[in-house]
Amino acid sequence: MEEKKVVFVTGASRGIGKEVALKYAENGYNVVINYASDKTDVESLKKEFEEKNVETIIEKADVTNSNQIEELVKKAIEKFGKIDVLVNNAGITKDNLLMRMSEEEFDKVIEVNLKGTYIVTKAVTKYMMKKRSGSIINLSSVVGVAGNAGQTNYSASKAGIIGFTKSVAKELASRNIRANAVAPGFIETDMTAVLPDTVKENIHNQIPLKRMGTAKEVANLIYFLGSDESSYITGQVINIDGGMVM
């Protein structure tokens, strides 16, 4: 029987990260997941993976802490022998207008979203390079492409991820490691679910397809970019936003 592939998805206890991890599991990948704080979602997630007959490592680890991440990656290599796909999904927001934004709000978002992506990528690619294969998918955002008022910190972090991704793609292509970025627009999540109908309608009016995307739709794209079906795609930024940014 063919050896199962392995995916590592950061920040995957809920939302897009969870859907991504489940998509890979449905396709027979063993799954490595870290989560930041809330363990309540993790136990139910373990059961979902067990039902799909895949092995998992689910651990609390901070993407801004290189020691914790290196330990988790080492544990994954010891258990599975490799990591085929890395999805850098972990991220936070601390929205505020520029003139009201504190240095702490700016620094924290850059640290988690951008530096966290660097820390995890560095830890994983060490092993991908030895194997001379791998696919890295980094979560950017359409605001990293087009900007957004009240999100200077978030936009800067997501724009930084685009530059980081393109540089990684150029550095690692000779080792047969691909790197791409996905830039979601408005996606249905716990946060958008509680928005008033008038706000949702205003959002829909900005989107040519007249609806928000789903986490499953984002997961489908990320799965494609991690698979051999996308073997000639690297260094790209793919918007998944219903046509909002063209």
C-alpha atoms as a PDB file:
ATOM      1  CA  MET A   1       0.000   0.000   0.000  1.00  0.00           C
ATOM      2  CA  GLU A   2       1.218   3.492  -0.883  1.00  0.00           C
ATOM      3  CA  GLU A   3       2.545   5.511   2.042  1.00  0.00           C
ATOM      4  CA  LYS A   4       0.164   8.244   3.167  1.00  0.00           C
ATOM      5  CA  LYS A   5       1.160  11.837   2.559  1.00  0.00           C
ATOM      6  CA  VAL A   6       1.365  14.292   5.463  1.00  0.00           C
ATOM      7  CA  VAL A   7      -0.002  17.839   5.780  1.00  0.00           C
ATOM      8  CA  PHE A   8       0.758  20.363   8.523  1.00  0.00           C
ATOM      9  CA  VAL A   9      -1.927  23.042   8.944  1.00  0.00           C
ATOM     10  CA  THR A  10      -1.324  25.832  11.453  1.00  0.00           C
ATOM     11  CA  GLY A  11      -4.173  27.302  13.482  1.00  0.00           C
ATOM     12  CA  ALA A  12      -6.570  24.573  12.386  1.00  0.00           C
ATOM     13  CA  SER A  13      -8.947  24.073  15.315  1.00  0.00           C
ATOM     14  CA  ARG A  14     -11.735  25.977  13.516  1.00  0.00           C
ATOM     15  CA  GLY A  15     -12.684  28.078  10.486  1.00  0.00           C
ATOM     16  CA  ILE A  16     -10.710  27.835   7.241  1.00  0.00           C
ATOM     17  CA  GLY A  17      -7.863  25.911   8.893  1.00  0.00           C
ATOM     18  CA  LYS A  18     -10.217  23.203  10.133  1.00  0.00           C
ATOM     19  CA  GLU A  19     -11.844  22.811   6.700  1.00  0.00           C
ATOM     20  CA  VAL A  20      -8.405  22.587   5.074  1.00  0.00           C
ATOM     21  CA  ALA A  21      -7.265  19.884   7.491  1.00  0.00           C
ATOM     22  CA  LEU A  22     -10.484  17.904   6.969  1.00  0.00           C
ATOM     23  CA  LYS A  23     -10.173  18.202   3.164  1.00  0.00           C
ATOM     24  CA  TYR A  24      -6.691  16.696   3.246  1.00  0.00           C
ATOM     25  CA  ALA A  25      -7.841  13.997   5.682  1.00  0.00           C
ATOM     26  CA  GLU A  26     -10.726  13.064   3.368  1.00  0.00           C
ATOM     27  CA  ASN A  27      -8.102  12.505   0.683  1.00  0.00           C
ATOM     28  CA  GLY A  28      -6.039  10.186   2.862  1.00  0.00           C
ATOM     29  CA  TYR A  29      -3.404  12.541   4.264  1.00  0.00           C
ATOM     30  CA  ASN A  30      -2.144  12.155   7.811  1.00  0.00           C
ATOM     31  CA  VAL A  31      -2.591  15.498   9.556  1.00  0.00           C
ATOM     32  CA  VAL A  32      -0.474  17.636  11.877  1.00  0.00           C
ATOM     33  CA  ILE A  33      -2.266  20.564  13.528  1.00  0.00           C
ATOM     34  CA  ASN A  34      -1.366  23.193  16.058  1.00  0.00           C
ATOM     35  CA  TYR A  35      -3.786  25.435  17.910  1.00  0.00           C
ATOM     36  CA  ALA A  36      -3.163  28.579  19.938  1.00  0.00           C
ATOM     37  CA  SER A  37      -5.417  28.469  22.990  1.00  0.00           C
ATOM     38  CA  ASP A  38      -8.911  26.995  22.782  1.00  0.00           C
ATOM     39  CA  LYS A  39      -8.830  23.226  23.319  1.00  0.00           C
ATOM     40  CA  THR A  40     -12.618  22.792  23.308  1.00  0.00           C
ATOM     41  CA  ASP A  41     -12.773  22.433  19.508  1.00  0.00           C
ATOM     42  CA  VAL A  42      -9.791  20.089  19.427  1.00  0.00           C
ATOM     43  CA  GLU A  43     -11.388  17.036  21.067  1.00  0.00           C
ATOM     44  CA  SER A  44     -14.297  16.973  18.604  1.00  0.00           C
ATOM     45  CA  LEU A  45     -11.812  17.510  15.775  1.00  0.00           C
ATOM     46  CA  LYS A  46      -9.834  14.423  16.858  1.00  0.00           C
ATOM     47  CA  LYS A  47     -12.990  12.319  16.532  1.00  0.00           C
ATOM     48  CA  GLU A  48     -13.651  13.659  13.033  1.00  0.00           C
ATOM     49  CA  PHE A  49     -10.169  12.635  11.922  1.00  0.00           C
ATOM     50  CA  GLU A  50     -10.467   9.197  13.532  1.00  0.00           C
ATOM     51  CA  GLU A  51     -13.622   8.624  11.500  1.00  0.00           C
ATOM     52  CA  LYS A  52     -11.632   9.333   8.330  1.00  0.00           C
ATOM     53  CA  ASN A  53      -9.071   6.666   9.243  1.00  0.00           C
ATOM     54  CA  VAL A  54      -6.042   8.969   9.279  1.00  0.00           C
ATOM     55  CA  GLU A  55      -3.405   9.523  11.933  1.00  0.00           C
ATOM     56  CA  THR A  56      -3.052  12.929  13.555  1.00  0.00           C
ATOM     57  CA  ILE A  57      -0.853  15.026  15.779  1.00  0.00           C
ATOM     58  CA  ILE A  58      -2.859  17.812  17.409  1.00  0.00           C
ATOM     59  CA  GLU A  59      -0.882  19.994  19.804  1.00  0.00           C
ATOM     60  CA  LYS A  60      -0.905  23.411  21.395  1.00  0.00           C
ATOM     61  CA  ALA A  61       1.991  25.403  19.916  1.00  0.00           C
ATOM     62  CA  ASP A  62       2.553  29.105  19.353  1.00  0.00           C
ATOM     63  CA  VAL A  63       3.643  29.969  15.799  1.00  0.00           C
ATOM     64  CA  THR A  64       5.671  32.888  17.177  1.00  0.00           C
ATOM     65  CA  ASN A  65       7.699  30.544  19.393  1.00  0.00           C
ATOM     66  CA  SER A  66      10.382  28.862  17.274  1.00  0.00           C
ATOM     67  CA  ASN A  67      11.240  26.306  19.991  1.00  0.00           C
ATOM     68  CA  GLN A  68       7.628  25.101  20.265  1.00  0.00           C
ATOM     69  CA  ILE A  69       7.262  24.882  16.487  1.00  0.00           C
ATOM     70  CA  GLU A  70      10.559  23.062  15.995  1.00  0.00           C
ATOM     71  CA  GLU A  71       9.530  20.536  18.663  1.00  0.00           C
ATOM     72  CA  LEU A  72       6.177  19.943  16.958  1.00  0.00           C
ATOM     73  CA  VAL A  73       7.790  19.562  13.522  1.00  0.00           C
ATOM     74  CA  LYS A  74      10.395  17.178  14.978  1.00  0.00           C
ATOM     75  CA  LYS A  75       7.595  15.097  16.527  1.00  0.00           C
ATOM     76  CA  ALA A  76       5.816  14.975  13.149  1.00  0.00           C
ATOM     77  CA  ILE A  77       8.989  13.819  11.388  1.00  0.00           C
ATOM     78  CA  GLU A  78       9.614  11.143  14.041  1.00  0.00           C
ATOM     79  CA  LYS A  79       6.052   9.829  13.665  1.00  0.00           C
ATOM     80  CA  PHE A  80       5.493  10.174   9.915  1.00  0.00           C
ATOM     81  CA  GLY A  81       9.005  10.563   8.475  1.00  0.00           C
ATOM     82  CA  LYS A  82       8.086  13.594   6.382  1.00  0.00           C
ATOM     83  CA  ILE A  83       5.838  16.602   5.798  1.00  0.00           C
ATOM     84  CA  ASP A  84       4.612  16.854   2.202  1.00  0.00           C
ATOM     85  CA  VAL A  85       2.412  19.943   2.474  1.00  0.00           C
ATOM     86  CA  LEU A  86       2.547  22.975   4.764  1.00  0.00           C
ATOM     87  CA  VAL A  87      -0.437  25.319   5.090  1.00  0.00           C
ATOM     88  CA  ASN A  88       0.369  28.502   7.010  1.00  0.00           C
ATOM     89  CA  ASN A  89      -3.133  29.421   8.110  1.00  0.00           C
ATOM     90  CA  ALA A  90      -2.675  30.789  11.666  1.00  0.00           C
ATOM     91  CA  GLY A  91      -3.486  34.483  11.905  1.00  0.00           C
ATOM     92  CA  ILE A  92      -5.094  37.194  14.001  1.00  0.00           C
ATOM     93  CA  THR A  93      -6.660  40.627  13.557  1.00  0.00           C
ATOM     94  CA  LYS A  94      -6.481  43.697  15.780  1.00  0.00           C
ATOM     95  CA  ASP A  95      -8.308  46.249  13.645  1.00  0.00           C
ATOM     96  CA  ASN A  96      -8.112  49.956  14.310  1.00  0.00           C
ATOM     97  CA  LEU A  97      -7.711  53.213  12.420  1.00  0.00           C
ATOM     98  CA  LEU A  98      -4.065  54.174  11.952  1.00  0.00           C
ATOM     99  CA  MET A  99      -4.234  57.200  14.275  1.00  0.00           C
ATOM    100  CA  ARG A 100      -5.750  55.077  17.048  1.00  0.00           C
ATOM    101  CA  MET A 101      -3.678  51.946  16.525  1.00  0.00           C
ATOM    102  CA  SER A 102      -1.259  51.148  19.327  1.00  0.00           C
ATOM    103  CA  GLU A 103       2.220  49.806  18.697  1.00  0.00           C
ATOM    104  CA  GLU A 104       1.158  46.635  20.505  1.00  0.00           C
ATOM    105  CA  GLU A 105      -1.750  46.148  18.062  1.00  0.00           C
ATOM    106  CA  PHE A 106       0.573  46.649  15.108  1.00  0.00           C
ATOM    107  CA  ASP A 107       3.411  44.497  16.428  1.00  0.00           C
ATOM    108  CA  LYS A 108       1.228  41.567  17.520  1.00  0.00           C
ATOM    109  CA  VAL A 109      -0.456  41.174  14.127  1.00  0.00           C
ATOM    110  CA  ILE A 110       2.877  41.352  12.288  1.00  0.00           C
ATOM    111  CA  GLU A 111       4.405  38.897  14.760  1.00  0.00           C
ATOM    112  CA  VAL A 112       1.691  36.235  14.461  1.00  0.00           C
ATOM    113  CA  ASN A 113       0.747  36.588  10.795  1.00  0.00           C
ATOM    114  CA  LEU A 114       4.088  37.338   9.151  1.00  0.00           C
ATOM    115  CA  LYS A 115       6.814  36.244  11.551  1.00  0.00           C
ATOM    116  CA  GLY A 116       4.797  33.137  12.439  1.00  0.00           C
ATOM    117  CA  THR A 117       4.703  32.195   8.747  1.00  0.00           C
ATOM    118  CA  TYR A 118       8.491  32.634   8.567  1.00  0.00           C
ATOM    119  CA  ILE A 119       9.120  30.533  11.725  1.00  0.00           C
ATOM    120  CA  VAL A 120       6.943  27.600  10.631  1.00  0.00           C
ATOM    121  CA  THR A 121       8.149  27.646   7.021  1.00  0.00           C
ATOM    122  CA  LYS A 122      11.790  27.647   8.110  1.00  0.00           C
ATOM    123  CA  ALA A 123      11.216  24.715  10.479  1.00  0.00           C
ATOM    124  CA  VAL A 124       9.401  22.595   7.882  1.00  0.00           C
ATOM    125  CA  THR A 125      11.460  23.349   4.760  1.00  0.00           C
ATOM    126  CA  LYS A 126      14.575  21.976   6.435  1.00  0.00           C
ATOM    127  CA  TYR A 127      12.998  18.524   6.034  1.00  0.00           C
ATOM    128  CA  MET A 128      11.367  19.226   2.674  1.00  0.00           C
ATOM    129  CA  MET A 129      14.780  20.150   1.270  1.00  0.00           C
ATOM    130  CA  LYS A 130      16.254  16.824   2.358  1.00  0.00           C
ATOM    131  CA  LYS A 131      13.379  15.027   0.648  1.00  0.00           C
ATOM    132  CA  ARG A 132      13.603  17.350  -2.381  1.00  0.00           C
ATOM    133  CA  SER A 133       9.854  17.829  -2.583  1.00  0.00           C
ATOM    134  CA  GLY A 134       7.047  19.757  -0.928  1.00  0.00           C
ATOM    135  CA  SER A 135       4.293  22.305  -1.333  1.00  0.00           C
ATOM    136  CA  ILE A 136       3.793  25.386   0.843  1.00  0.00           C
ATOM    137  CA  ILE A 137       0.537  27.349   0.823  1.00  0.00           C
ATOM    138  CA  ASN A 138       0.447  30.635   2.731  1.00  0.00           C
ATOM    139  CA  LEU A 139      -2.796  32.383   3.682  1.00  0.00           C
ATOM    140  CA  SER A 140      -2.707  35.981   2.546  1.00  0.00           C
ATOM    141  CA  SER A 141      -5.852  38.091   1.972  1.00  0.00           C
ATOM    142  CA  VAL A 142      -7.341  40.385  -0.635  1.00  0.00           C
ATOM    143  CA  VAL A 143      -6.545  43.238   1.773  1.00  0.00           C
ATOM    144  CA  GLY A 144      -2.885  42.328   1.322  1.00  0.00           C
ATOM    145  CA  VAL A 145      -3.426  42.984  -2.386  1.00  0.00           C
ATOM    146  CA  ALA A 146      -5.759  45.992  -2.268  1.00  0.00           C
ATOM    147  CA  GLY A 147      -5.500  47.388   1.286  1.00  0.00           C
ATOM    148  CA  ASN A 148      -8.375  48.198   3.630  1.00  0.00           C
ATOM    149  CA  ALA A 149      -9.152  51.146   5.875  1.00  0.00           C
ATOM    150  CA  GLY A 150      -8.832  50.238   9.555  1.00  0.00           C
ATOM    151  CA  GLN A 151      -6.514  47.317   8.832  1.00  0.00           C
ATOM    152  CA  THR A 152      -3.070  48.803   8.230  1.00  0.00           C
ATOM    153  CA  ASN A 153      -1.459  46.168  10.445  1.00  0.00           C
ATOM    154  CA  TYR A 154      -3.370  43.226   8.943  1.00  0.00           C
ATOM    155  CA  SER A 155      -2.933  44.487   5.373  1.00  0.00           C
ATOM    156  CA  ALA A 156       0.799  44.961   5.926  1.00  0.00           C
ATOM    157  CA  SER A 157       1.153  41.435   7.352  1.00  0.00           C
ATOM    158  CA  LYS A 158      -0.766  39.871   4.469  1.00  0.00           C
ATOM    159  CA  ALA A 159       1.122  41.897   1.839  1.00  0.00           C
ATOM    160  CA  GLY A 160       4.331  40.768   3.536  1.00  0.00           C
ATOM    161  CA  ILE A 161       3.231  37.147   3.172  1.00  0.00           C
ATOM    162  CA  ILE A 162       2.932  37.676  -0.593  1.00  0.00           C
ATOM    163  CA  GLY A 163       6.510  38.941  -0.858  1.00  0.00           C
ATOM    164  CA  PHE A 164       7.708  36.185   1.458  1.00  0.00           C
ATOM    165  CA  THR A 165       5.939  33.518  -0.624  1.00  0.00           C
ATOM    166  CA  LYS A 166       7.437  34.704  -3.919  1.00  0.00           C
ATOM    167  CA  SER A 167      10.928  34.780  -2.408  1.00  0.00           C
ATOM    168  CA  VAL A 168      10.549  31.285  -0.937  1.00  0.00           C
ATOM    169  CA  ALA A 169       9.291  30.022  -4.310  1.00  0.00           C
ATOM    170  CA  LYS A 170      12.437  31.340  -6.005  1.00  0.00           C
ATOM    171  CA  GLU A 171      14.782  30.026  -3.304  1.00  0.00           C
ATOM    172  CA  LEU A 172      13.372  26.512  -3.134  1.00  0.00           C
ATOM    173  CA  ALA A 173      12.310  25.752  -6.718  1.00  0.00           C
ATOM    174  CA  SER A 174      15.620  23.991  -7.415  1.00  0.00           C
ATOM    175  CA  ARG A 175      14.731  21.515  -4.626  1.00  0.00           C
ATOM    176  CA  ASN A 176      11.320  20.831  -6.192  1.00  0.00           C
ATOM    177  CA  ILE A 177       9.511  22.724  -3.410  1.00  0.00           C
ATOM    178  CA  ARG A 178       6.645  24.950  -4.487  1.00  0.00           C
ATOM    179  CA  ALA A 179       5.236  27.959  -2.612  1.00  0.00           C
ATOM    180  CA  ASN A 180       1.988  29.774  -3.364  1.00  0.00           C
ATOM    181  CA  ALA A 181      -0.281  32.223  -1.575  1.00  0.00           C
ATOM    182  CA  VAL A 182      -4.067  32.190  -1.348  1.00  0.00           C
ATOM    183  CA  ALA A 183      -5.863  35.499  -0.849  1.00  0.00           C
ATOM    184  CA  PRO A 184      -9.450  35.027   0.398  1.00  0.00           C
ATOM    185  CA  GLY A 185     -12.027  37.787   0.280  1.00  0.00           C
ATOM    186  CA  PHE A 186     -15.163  37.753   2.434  1.00  0.00           C
ATOM    187  CA  ILE A 187     -15.620  34.200   3.715  1.00  0.00           C
ATOM    188  CA  GLU A 188     -18.495  32.908   5.860  1.00  0.00           C
ATOM    189  CA  THR A 189     -17.093  32.390   9.363  1.00  0.00           C
ATOM    190  CA  ASP A 190     -18.253  32.643  12.980  1.00  0.00           C
ATOM    191  CA  MET A 191     -17.363  36.336  12.861  1.00  0.00           C
ATOM    192  CA  THR A 192     -19.375  37.164   9.724  1.00  0.00           C
ATOM    193  CA  ALA A 193     -22.348  35.045  10.874  1.00  0.00           C
ATOM    194  CA  VAL A 194     -23.226  37.563  13.591  1.00  0.00           C
ATOM    195  CA  LEU A 195     -23.159  40.607  11.292  1.00  0.00           C
ATOM    196  CA  PRO A 196     -26.477  42.452  10.803  1.00  0.00           C
ATOM    197  CA  ASP A 197     -28.302  41.735   7.527  1.00  0.00           C
ATOM    198  CA  THR A 198     -27.750  45.314   6.332  1.00  0.00           C
ATOM    199  CA  VAL A 199     -23.977  44.905   6.727  1.00  0.00           C
ATOM    200  CA  LYS A 200     -24.058  41.557   4.914  1.00  0.00           C
ATOM    201  CA  GLU A 201     -26.062  43.110   2.080  1.00  0.00           C
ATOM    202  CA  ASN A 202     -23.494  45.900   1.771  1.00  0.00           C
ATOM    203  CA  ILE A 203     -20.716  43.290   1.596  1.00  0.00           C
ATOM    204  CA  HIS A 204     -22.583  41.282  -1.058  1.00  0.00           C
ATOM    205  CA  ASN A 205     -22.964  44.432  -3.159  1.00  0.00           C
ATOM    206  CA  GLN A 206     -19.142  44.729  -3.334  1.00  0.00           C
ATOM    207  CA  ILE A 207     -18.805  41.203  -4.727  1.00  0.00           C
ATOM    208  CA  PRO A 208     -19.640  40.434  -8.381  1.00  0.00           C
ATOM    209  CA  LEU A 209     -20.857  36.928  -7.424  1.00  0.00           C
ATOM    210  CA  LYS A 210     -23.121  38.597  -4.814  1.00  0.00           C
ATOM    211  CA  ARG A 211     -22.279  36.262  -1.934  1.00  0.00           C
ATOM    212  CA  MET A 212     -19.550  35.437   0.523  1.00  0.00           C
ATOM    213  CA  GLY A 213     -17.342  32.422  -0.064  1.00  0.00           C
ATOM    214  CA  THR A 214     -17.297  29.365   2.160  1.00  0.00           C
ATOM    215  CA  ALA A 215     -14.399  27.877   4.100  1.00  0.00           C
ATOM    216  CA  LYS A 216     -14.892  24.681   2.055  1.00  0.00           C
ATOM    217  CA  GLU A 217     -14.326  26.610  -1.186  1.00  0.00           C
ATOM    218  CA  VAL A 218     -11.063  27.998   0.186  1.00  0.00           C
ATOM    219  CA  ALA A 219     -10.076  24.500   1.358  1.00  0.00           C
ATOM    220  CA  ASN A 220     -10.678  23.111  -2.142  1.00  0.00           C
ATOM    221  CA  LEU A 221      -8.234  25.630  -3.630  1.00  0.00           C
ATOM    222  CA  ILE A 222      -5.629  24.972  -0.936  1.00  0.00           C
ATOM    223  CA  TYR A 223      -5.945  21.228  -1.453  1.00  0.00           C
ATOM    224  CA  PHE A 224      -5.400  21.664  -5.200  1.00  0.00           C
ATOM    225  CA  LEU A 225      -2.271  23.759  -4.592  1.00  0.00           C
ATOM    226  CA  GLY A 226      -0.879  21.105  -2.252  1.00  0.00           C
ATOM    227  CA  SER A 227      -1.549  18.241  -4.657  1.00  0.00           C
ATOM    228  CA  ASP A 228       0.376  16.996  -7.684  1.00  0.00           C
ATOM    229  CA  GLU A 229      -2.431  18.429  -9.837  1.00  0.00           C
ATOM    230  CA  SER A 230      -0.748  21.836  -9.441  1.00  0.00           C
ATOM    231  CA  SER A 231       2.810  20.622 -10.002  1.00  0.00           C
ATOM    232  CA  TYR A 232       3.724  23.494 -12.381  1.00  0.00           C
ATOM    233  CA  ILE A 233       2.327  26.308 -10.228  1.00  0.00           C
ATOM    234  CA  THR A 234       4.675  28.192  -7.886  1.00  0.00           C
ATOM    235  CA  GLY A 235       5.196  31.766  -6.731  1.00  0.00           C
ATOM    236  CA  GLN A 236       1.580  32.707  -7.442  1.00  0.00           C
ATOM    237  CA  VAL A 237      -1.049  34.636  -5.486  1.00  0.00           C
ATOM    238  CA  ILE A 238      -4.546  33.326  -6.160  1.00  0.00           C
ATOM    239  CA  ASN A 239      -7.481  35.465  -5.088  1.00  0.00           C
ATOM    240  CA  ILE A 240     -10.597  33.586  -3.986  1.00  0.00           C
ATOM    241  CA  ASP A 241     -13.037  36.441  -3.512  1.00  0.00           C
ATOM    242  CA  GLY A 242     -15.996  36.144  -5.895  1.00  0.00           C
ATOM    243  CA  GLY A 243     -14.386  38.686  -8.188  1.00  0.00           C
ATOM    244  CA  MET A 244     -14.128  41.465  -5.593  1.00  0.00           C
ATOM    245  CA  VAL A 245     -10.523  42.334  -6.487  1.00  0.00           C
ATOM    246  CA  MET A 246      -9.562  42.009 -10.151  1.00  0.00           C
END
